[in-house]
Protein backbone atom coordinates (compact mmCIF):
# COMPACT_ATOMS: atom_id res chain seq x y z
CA MET A 1 -102.34 -73.53 8.14
CA GLU A 2 -99.51 -75.06 6.11
CA SER A 3 -101.85 -76.18 3.33
CA THR A 4 -103.53 -72.78 3.29
CA GLN A 5 -100.21 -70.99 2.90
CA LEU A 6 -99.21 -73.31 0.06
CA ILE A 7 -102.40 -72.62 -1.89
CA HIS A 8 -102.05 -68.86 -1.37
CA ARG A 9 -98.51 -68.77 -2.82
CA GLN A 10 -99.55 -70.74 -5.88
CA LYS A 11 -102.32 -68.27 -6.71
CA LYS A 12 -99.94 -65.34 -6.29
CA SER A 13 -97.42 -66.96 -8.67
CA LYS A 14 -100.07 -67.47 -11.37
CA HIS A 15 -101.22 -63.91 -10.97
CA HIS A 16 -97.66 -62.62 -11.55
CA ILE A 17 -97.20 -64.84 -14.63
CA TRP A 18 -100.39 -63.49 -16.21
CA MET A 19 -99.42 -59.91 -15.45
CA THR A 20 -95.97 -60.47 -17.01
CA LEU A 21 -97.47 -61.97 -20.17
CA ILE A 22 -99.94 -59.10 -20.48
CA LEU A 23 -97.17 -56.50 -20.09
CA ILE A 24 -94.96 -58.23 -22.70
CA PHE A 25 -97.84 -58.46 -25.16
CA ALA A 26 -98.76 -54.80 -24.60
CA GLY A 27 -95.12 -53.76 -25.11
CA ILE A 28 -94.82 -55.67 -28.40
CA LEU A 29 -98.14 -54.29 -29.63
CA GLY A 30 -97.13 -50.75 -28.70
CA PHE A 31 -93.78 -51.09 -30.46
CA LEU A 32 -95.43 -52.37 -33.67
CA VAL A 33 -97.97 -49.53 -33.67
CA TYR A 34 -95.27 -46.91 -33.01
CA THR A 35 -92.87 -48.14 -35.70
CA SER A 36 -95.68 -48.58 -38.24
CA PHE A 37 -97.27 -45.14 -37.89
CA TYR A 38 -94.88 -42.79 -36.14
CA ASN A 39 -91.26 -43.92 -36.64
CA PRO A 40 -90.88 -46.61 -39.33
CA ASP A 41 -87.11 -46.07 -39.44
CA LEU A 42 -86.80 -47.41 -35.90
CA GLY A 43 -88.14 -50.82 -36.87
CA PHE A 44 -85.97 -50.82 -39.98
CA SER A 45 -82.80 -50.01 -38.09
CA LEU A 46 -83.39 -52.67 -35.47
CA THR A 47 -83.99 -55.48 -37.97
CA GLY A 48 -81.47 -54.37 -40.62
CA ASN A 49 -77.75 -54.99 -40.94
CA VAL A 50 -76.79 -51.60 -39.50
CA ILE A 51 -73.22 -50.28 -39.50
CA GLN A 52 -73.87 -46.87 -37.95
CA GLU A 53 -76.72 -44.41 -37.49
CA ASN A 54 -75.36 -40.97 -36.53
CA PHE A 55 -75.65 -38.59 -39.47
CA ASP A 56 -75.44 -34.85 -39.78
CA GLU A 57 -78.77 -33.08 -40.14
CA THR A 58 -77.79 -31.74 -43.57
CA GLY A 59 -76.98 -35.20 -44.98
CA ILE A 60 -74.38 -37.94 -44.86
CA LYS A 61 -70.89 -36.77 -43.99
CA ILE A 62 -68.66 -38.39 -46.62
CA SER A 63 -64.93 -38.42 -47.39
CA THR A 64 -63.43 -40.43 -50.25
CA HIS A 65 -60.02 -41.61 -51.42
CA VAL A 66 -60.84 -43.43 -54.66
CA GLU A 67 -59.50 -43.82 -58.17
CA PRO A 68 -60.70 -40.97 -60.43
CA PRO A 69 -63.25 -41.51 -63.22
CA GLU A 70 -62.26 -41.57 -66.86
CA GLU A 71 -64.04 -38.25 -67.39
CA MET A 72 -66.23 -35.81 -65.44
CA THR A 73 -68.34 -32.84 -66.49
CA ILE A 74 -69.58 -30.37 -63.89
CA LYS A 75 -71.81 -27.41 -64.66
CA THR A 76 -72.48 -25.31 -61.58
CA GLU A 77 -71.32 -22.40 -59.44
CA ILE A 78 -67.98 -22.95 -57.68
CA GLU A 79 -66.82 -20.63 -54.90
CA LYS A 80 -63.15 -21.15 -55.73
CA LEU A 81 -61.52 -23.18 -58.48
CA GLU A 82 -57.80 -24.01 -58.14
CA ILE A 83 -55.71 -25.47 -60.94
CA LYS A 84 -52.02 -26.32 -61.18
CA ILE A 85 -51.36 -26.32 -64.90
CA GLN A 86 -48.55 -28.44 -66.32
CA GLU A 87 -48.98 -27.45 -69.95
CA THR A 88 -51.55 -25.15 -71.56
CA GLY A 89 -53.35 -26.09 -74.73
CA SER A 90 -55.50 -22.99 -75.09
CA LEU A 91 -56.21 -20.39 -72.38
CA THR A 92 -58.28 -17.26 -72.92
CA ILE A 93 -59.07 -14.76 -70.17
CA GLY A 94 -61.30 -11.94 -71.32
CA LYS A 95 -59.96 -11.14 -74.76
CA GLU A 96 -56.38 -12.15 -74.02
CA ASN A 97 -54.77 -15.45 -75.02
CA PHE A 98 -52.16 -16.98 -72.70
CA GLU A 99 -49.59 -19.73 -72.95
CA LEU A 100 -48.63 -21.08 -69.52
CA LYS A 101 -46.44 -23.88 -68.24
CA LYS A 102 -46.48 -25.06 -64.61
CA ALA A 103 -48.61 -22.15 -63.47
CA SER A 104 -51.07 -21.79 -60.63
CA LEU A 105 -54.53 -20.60 -61.66
CA ILE A 106 -57.26 -19.52 -59.21
CA LEU A 107 -60.80 -18.54 -60.21
CA ASP A 108 -63.08 -16.92 -57.63
CA ASN A 109 -66.86 -17.37 -57.87
CA PHE A 110 -66.69 -19.34 -61.09
CA ASN A 111 -69.97 -20.03 -62.88
CA GLY A 112 -69.89 -22.30 -65.90
CA LYS A 113 -68.82 -25.74 -67.10
CA ILE A 114 -65.68 -27.79 -66.59
CA SER A 115 -64.91 -31.15 -68.21
CA PHE A 116 -61.80 -33.08 -67.21
CA ASN A 117 -60.17 -36.48 -66.86
CA LYS A 118 -57.37 -37.51 -64.52
CA ASP A 119 -54.67 -35.80 -66.62
CA GLU A 120 -56.27 -33.04 -68.66
CA ILE A 121 -58.82 -30.25 -68.51
CA ILE A 122 -60.76 -31.02 -71.66
CA GLU A 123 -62.79 -27.82 -71.52
CA LEU A 124 -63.47 -25.04 -69.05
CA ASP A 125 -65.87 -22.31 -70.06
CA GLY A 126 -67.56 -19.70 -67.87
CA LYS A 127 -67.14 -16.50 -65.89
CA ALA A 128 -65.25 -15.66 -62.69
CA SER A 129 -65.31 -12.61 -60.43
CA LYS A 130 -61.51 -12.70 -60.07
CA VAL A 131 -58.71 -14.56 -61.86
CA PHE A 132 -55.22 -15.02 -60.40
CA VAL A 133 -52.22 -16.43 -62.28
CA ASP A 134 -49.38 -17.36 -59.90
CA GLY A 135 -51.02 -15.11 -57.29
CA ILE A 136 -51.22 -12.06 -59.59
CA PRO A 137 -54.71 -10.70 -60.38
CA ILE A 138 -55.41 -10.46 -64.10
CA SER A 139 -58.13 -7.80 -64.09
CA ASN A 140 -60.31 -5.71 -61.79
CA LYS A 141 -63.49 -6.32 -63.79
CA ASP A 142 -66.47 -7.78 -61.93
CA LYS A 143 -66.84 -10.76 -64.28
CA LEU A 144 -64.20 -12.22 -66.54
CA GLU A 145 -64.91 -14.72 -69.27
CA ILE A 146 -62.45 -17.60 -69.19
CA ASN A 147 -61.94 -20.53 -71.53
CA ILE A 148 -59.45 -23.40 -71.30
CA GLN A 149 -59.07 -26.17 -73.87
CA ASN A 150 -56.98 -29.35 -73.66
CA SER A 151 -54.61 -28.27 -70.88
CA LYS A 152 -52.68 -30.77 -68.80
CA TYR A 153 -52.77 -30.32 -65.03
CA SER A 154 -51.27 -31.89 -61.91
CA PHE A 155 -53.88 -30.74 -59.38
CA LEU A 156 -57.49 -29.57 -59.52
CA LYS A 157 -59.67 -28.44 -56.61
CA LEU A 158 -63.29 -27.30 -56.55
CA ASN A 159 -64.20 -25.53 -53.29
CA ASN A 160 -67.78 -25.29 -52.03
CA PHE A 161 -69.85 -26.50 -54.97
CA TYR A 162 -72.90 -28.68 -55.66
CA LEU A 163 -72.88 -31.94 -57.61
CA ASP A 164 -76.25 -33.45 -58.49
CA SER A 165 -74.97 -36.99 -59.05
CA LEU A 166 -71.84 -39.03 -59.73
CA SER A 167 -71.69 -42.73 -60.62
CA TYR A 168 -68.84 -44.93 -61.87
CA ILE A 169 -66.85 -48.11 -61.12
CA THR A 170 -63.81 -47.54 -58.92
CA SER A 171 -61.68 -48.78 -56.03
CA GLY A 172 -60.61 -47.12 -52.82
CA ARG A 173 -61.80 -46.11 -49.38
CA ILE A 174 -64.86 -44.15 -48.27
CA LYS A 175 -65.25 -42.72 -44.77
CA LEU A 176 -68.67 -41.85 -43.36
CA ASN A 177 -69.64 -39.61 -40.47
CA ASN A 178 -66.13 -38.63 -39.37
CA GLU A 179 -64.69 -42.17 -39.80
CA LYS A 180 -67.37 -43.88 -37.69
CA ALA A 181 -67.87 -46.15 -40.71
CA ILE A 182 -65.08 -46.99 -43.20
CA ILE A 183 -65.93 -48.86 -46.41
CA ASN A 184 -63.39 -50.34 -48.82
CA ILE A 185 -64.53 -50.95 -52.39
CA ASP A 186 -62.66 -52.91 -55.07
CA ASN A 187 -63.74 -52.36 -58.68
CA GLU A 188 -67.30 -51.64 -57.49
CA GLU A 189 -69.94 -49.02 -58.12
CA PHE A 190 -69.52 -45.70 -56.37
CA LYS A 191 -72.58 -43.49 -56.56
CA ILE A 192 -73.61 -40.32 -54.74
CA LYS A 193 -76.52 -37.92 -55.10
CA LYS A 194 -76.82 -34.24 -54.16
CA PHE A 195 -73.27 -33.77 -52.93
CA ARG A 196 -72.20 -30.45 -51.38
CA GLY A 197 -68.58 -29.80 -50.49
CA THR A 198 -65.07 -29.96 -51.94
CA LEU A 199 -63.53 -32.04 -54.72
CA GLU A 200 -59.79 -32.62 -55.25
CA ILE A 201 -58.36 -34.67 -58.08
CA ASN A 202 -54.98 -35.66 -59.49
CA SER A 203 -53.81 -38.49 -61.71
CA GLN A 204 -54.02 -41.00 -58.85
CA GLU A 205 -56.96 -40.08 -56.65
CA LEU A 206 -60.35 -38.41 -56.36
CA ARG A 207 -61.10 -36.88 -52.98
CA LEU A 208 -64.55 -35.70 -51.99
CA ASN A 209 -65.19 -34.07 -48.64
CA GLY A 210 -68.68 -32.89 -47.77
CA TYR A 211 -72.27 -34.07 -47.46
CA ALA A 212 -74.48 -36.20 -49.70
CA ASP A 213 -78.17 -37.11 -49.49
CA GLU A 214 -77.67 -40.65 -50.78
CA SER A 215 -74.83 -42.96 -51.73
CA ASN A 216 -74.27 -46.48 -53.05
CA LEU A 217 -70.85 -47.86 -52.16
CA GLY A 218 -70.40 -51.32 -53.64
CA THR A 219 -72.88 -53.48 -51.71
CA ILE A 220 -73.58 -50.72 -49.17
CA ASP A 221 -76.60 -48.44 -49.51
CA VAL A 222 -76.55 -45.17 -47.56
CA ARG A 223 -79.51 -42.81 -47.28
CA SER A 224 -79.68 -39.76 -45.08
CA ASN A 225 -83.47 -39.85 -44.76
CA GLN A 226 -83.26 -43.37 -43.26
CA LYS A 227 -80.22 -42.49 -41.15
CA THR A 228 -78.76 -45.96 -41.68
CA VAL A 229 -75.96 -47.70 -43.51
CA VAL A 230 -77.13 -51.09 -44.70
CA ASN A 231 -75.84 -54.03 -46.71
CA LYS A 232 -77.93 -54.37 -49.86
CA ASN A 233 -77.19 -58.13 -50.00
CA SER A 234 -79.10 -58.64 -46.76
CA GLU A 235 -82.75 -59.45 -47.48
CA GLU A 236 -83.81 -58.01 -44.15
CA THR A 237 -82.65 -54.50 -45.09
CA LYS A 238 -84.25 -54.16 -48.51
CA THR A 239 -86.81 -51.37 -48.84
CA SER A 240 -89.04 -50.23 -51.65
């Protein structure tokens, strides 16, 4: 009886080992099939150098505190444009010319072009539904033509606008997905595509707050369609 019991237990143990191996193999095979045909991002995120994965459905939530570029040109519709002018070079609203110093200028529903650097509005040309100077409306017309040339400013804010792309070398801090990932860059490339949100700029800092479809932050590559933040220096995370 003792020898019979010993043989019976050995067969049972082998049977369990084979079943375990078969289940492991089936699980690996199923995972490879699933990630290859149905959810390739899952395999990528598990093997890559992932910082965080939770993104908003409309894109990557991004907030920046970086040094401003030498010059920017934006041609788009802007819901509200706010400017604190230090010294006016040339300002035309409608058919009237103005000379302003340390004035607050607000343009509602602006549509046109604005070029600026960290200290000066090089050119602003377009139309606005309403124009306010120090809180006082200039005209009741539906659309006012406005032109600014070579005017120094201390603060500039673009509310609710679209920026197709921005790329330059800078330093500062970028926060992703409500500070779940914070990236510091030092004299490195900052690049975003299809940004929607708000821009603030002064002589010291460029602040962006909104959503972008894609961004390169130094050695970090961020793409909303992959829902990952990866280190481009890691060979495991490179994609075509």
